[in-house]
Amino acid sequence: MKQHNVQNENPLQHALYLKELELKLKELSLKLREENVRLQEDNLKLEEQALRLAEEQTKRKLNETATTKIPNKHK
């Protein structure tokens, strides 16, 4: 960003400079919000993947438990 010298400019130039800064800040804010949304979407995908994996693991453990032979103590 260029150096800004307030002492050698008229009020209209200064007002224009401030408006340019305001616009630049709004653009940066929008970019940050867009990036935040993208990261939130990525996070949701990862959470969904983790839930699917946990569900598969739970099903596997239940299946292993159901198929485990219980020793007969009445022999």
Foldseek 3Di string as FASTA:
>chain_A
DDDDDPVPDDPVVVVVVVVVVVVVVVVVVVVVVVVVVVVVVVVVVVVVVVVVVVVVVVVVVVVCVVPDDDDDPPD
